[in-house]
Every structure is written in C-alpha cells, then in structure tokens.
Amino acid sequence: MSILTIILNIFLPPVSVALNKGLGKDFIINVILTILGVLPGVIHAFYVTSK
C-alpha cells in the first residue's frame, strides 16, 4: 500500500476506493458509510484497498 493510498483512505475514502476498485458496489457502500460517519468510511476504504 502506497503513501498516497493511505492519505486518500484517511481524507477522501470514496476517492481512494474509486481509484482502486472503480465505480462499483464497493464505491457505493463506501459513500454510504462515509455519509453515516467518517470512521466507518475510512475503515471500509482500508479494508477494500488492502485486498
């Protein structure tokens, strides 16, 4: 995992997921989680980008 990915995961989780996985179901799930709370979005972004 690069430094850029880590920074994007923390500050812009949906952008990080979109860059790594595209605009699919993972992106939509991350947007919803980020709207509900930033921490769940960040955790999901780290989970998705670490696969």
C-alpha atoms as a PDB file:
ATOM      1  CA  MET A   1       0.000   0.000   0.000  1.00  0.00           C
ATOM      2  CA  SER A   2       1.494   3.318  -1.040  1.00  0.00           C
ATOM      3  CA  ILE A   3       1.633   6.523   0.967  1.00  0.00           C
ATOM      4  CA  LEU A   4      -0.805   8.152  -1.474  1.00  0.00           C
ATOM      5  CA  THR A   5      -3.343   5.377  -0.897  1.00  0.00           C
ATOM      6  CA  ILE A   6      -3.050   5.747   2.871  1.00  0.00           C
ATOM      7  CA  ILE A   7      -3.531   9.523   2.690  1.00  0.00           C
ATOM      8  CA  LEU A   8      -6.545   9.157   0.390  1.00  0.00           C
ATOM      9  CA  ASN A   9      -8.014   6.464   2.664  1.00  0.00           C
ATOM     10  CA  ILE A  10      -7.905   8.849   5.596  1.00  0.00           C
ATOM     11  CA  PHE A  11      -9.009  12.113   3.983  1.00  0.00           C
ATOM     12  CA  LEU A  12     -11.100  11.040   0.941  1.00  0.00           C
ATOM     13  CA  PRO A  13     -12.199   7.423   1.379  1.00  0.00           C
ATOM     14  CA  PRO A  14     -14.610   7.269  -1.610  1.00  0.00           C
ATOM     15  CA  VAL A  15     -11.960   8.647  -3.972  1.00  0.00           C
ATOM     16  CA  SER A  16      -9.479   6.044  -2.800  1.00  0.00           C
ATOM     17  CA  VAL A  17     -11.957   3.213  -3.318  1.00  0.00           C
ATOM     18  CA  ALA A  18     -12.929   4.564  -6.749  1.00  0.00           C
ATOM     19  CA  LEU A  19      -9.308   4.731  -7.865  1.00  0.00           C
ATOM     20  CA  ASN A  20      -8.576   1.185  -6.708  1.00  0.00           C
ATOM     21  CA  LYS A  21     -11.827  -0.673  -7.480  1.00  0.00           C
ATOM     22  CA  GLY A  22     -13.772   1.561  -9.859  1.00  0.00           C
ATOM     23  CA  LEU A  23     -17.303   2.890  -9.526  1.00  0.00           C
ATOM     24  CA  GLY A  24     -18.930  -0.354  -8.468  1.00  0.00           C
ATOM     25  CA  LYS A  25     -20.655  -1.658  -5.380  1.00  0.00           C
ATOM     26  CA  ASP A  26     -17.611  -1.053  -3.154  1.00  0.00           C
ATOM     27  CA  PHE A  27     -17.687   2.638  -4.064  1.00  0.00           C
ATOM     28  CA  ILE A  28     -21.407   2.960  -3.312  1.00  0.00           C
ATOM     29  CA  ILE A  29     -21.014   1.157   0.019  1.00  0.00           C
ATOM     30  CA  ASN A  30     -18.132   3.437   0.931  1.00  0.00           C
ATOM     31  CA  VAL A  31     -20.077   6.594   0.052  1.00  0.00           C
ATOM     32  CA  ILE A  32     -22.970   5.461   2.250  1.00  0.00           C
ATOM     33  CA  LEU A  33     -20.639   4.589   5.127  1.00  0.00           C
ATOM     34  CA  THR A  34     -18.814   7.908   4.806  1.00  0.00           C
ATOM     35  CA  ILE A  35     -22.118   9.804   4.899  1.00  0.00           C
ATOM     36  CA  LEU A  36     -23.172   7.895   8.024  1.00  0.00           C
ATOM     37  CA  GLY A  37     -19.846   8.611   9.693  1.00  0.00           C
ATOM     38  CA  VAL A  38     -16.316   9.269   8.559  1.00  0.00           C
ATOM     39  CA  LEU A  39     -14.721   6.497  10.633  1.00  0.00           C
ATOM     40  CA  PRO A  40     -16.738   3.640   9.066  1.00  0.00           C
ATOM     41  CA  GLY A  41     -15.864   5.007   5.628  1.00  0.00           C
ATOM     42  CA  VAL A  42     -12.175   5.112   6.465  1.00  0.00           C
ATOM     43  CA  ILE A  43     -12.220   1.586   7.884  1.00  0.00           C
ATOM     44  CA  HIS A  44     -14.029   0.284   4.800  1.00  0.00           C
ATOM     45  CA  ALA A  45     -11.576   2.077   2.489  1.00  0.00           C
ATOM     46  CA  PHE A  46      -8.603   0.447   4.226  1.00  0.00           C
ATOM     47  CA  TYR A  47     -10.343  -2.940   4.049  1.00  0.00           C
ATOM     48  CA  VAL A  48     -11.166  -2.633   0.342  1.00  0.00           C
ATOM     49  CA  THR A  49      -7.795  -1.277  -0.752  1.00  0.00           C
ATOM     50  CA  SER A  50      -5.850  -3.896   1.197  1.00  0.00           C
ATOM     51  CA  LYS A  51      -7.387  -6.794  -0.784  1.00  0.00           C
END
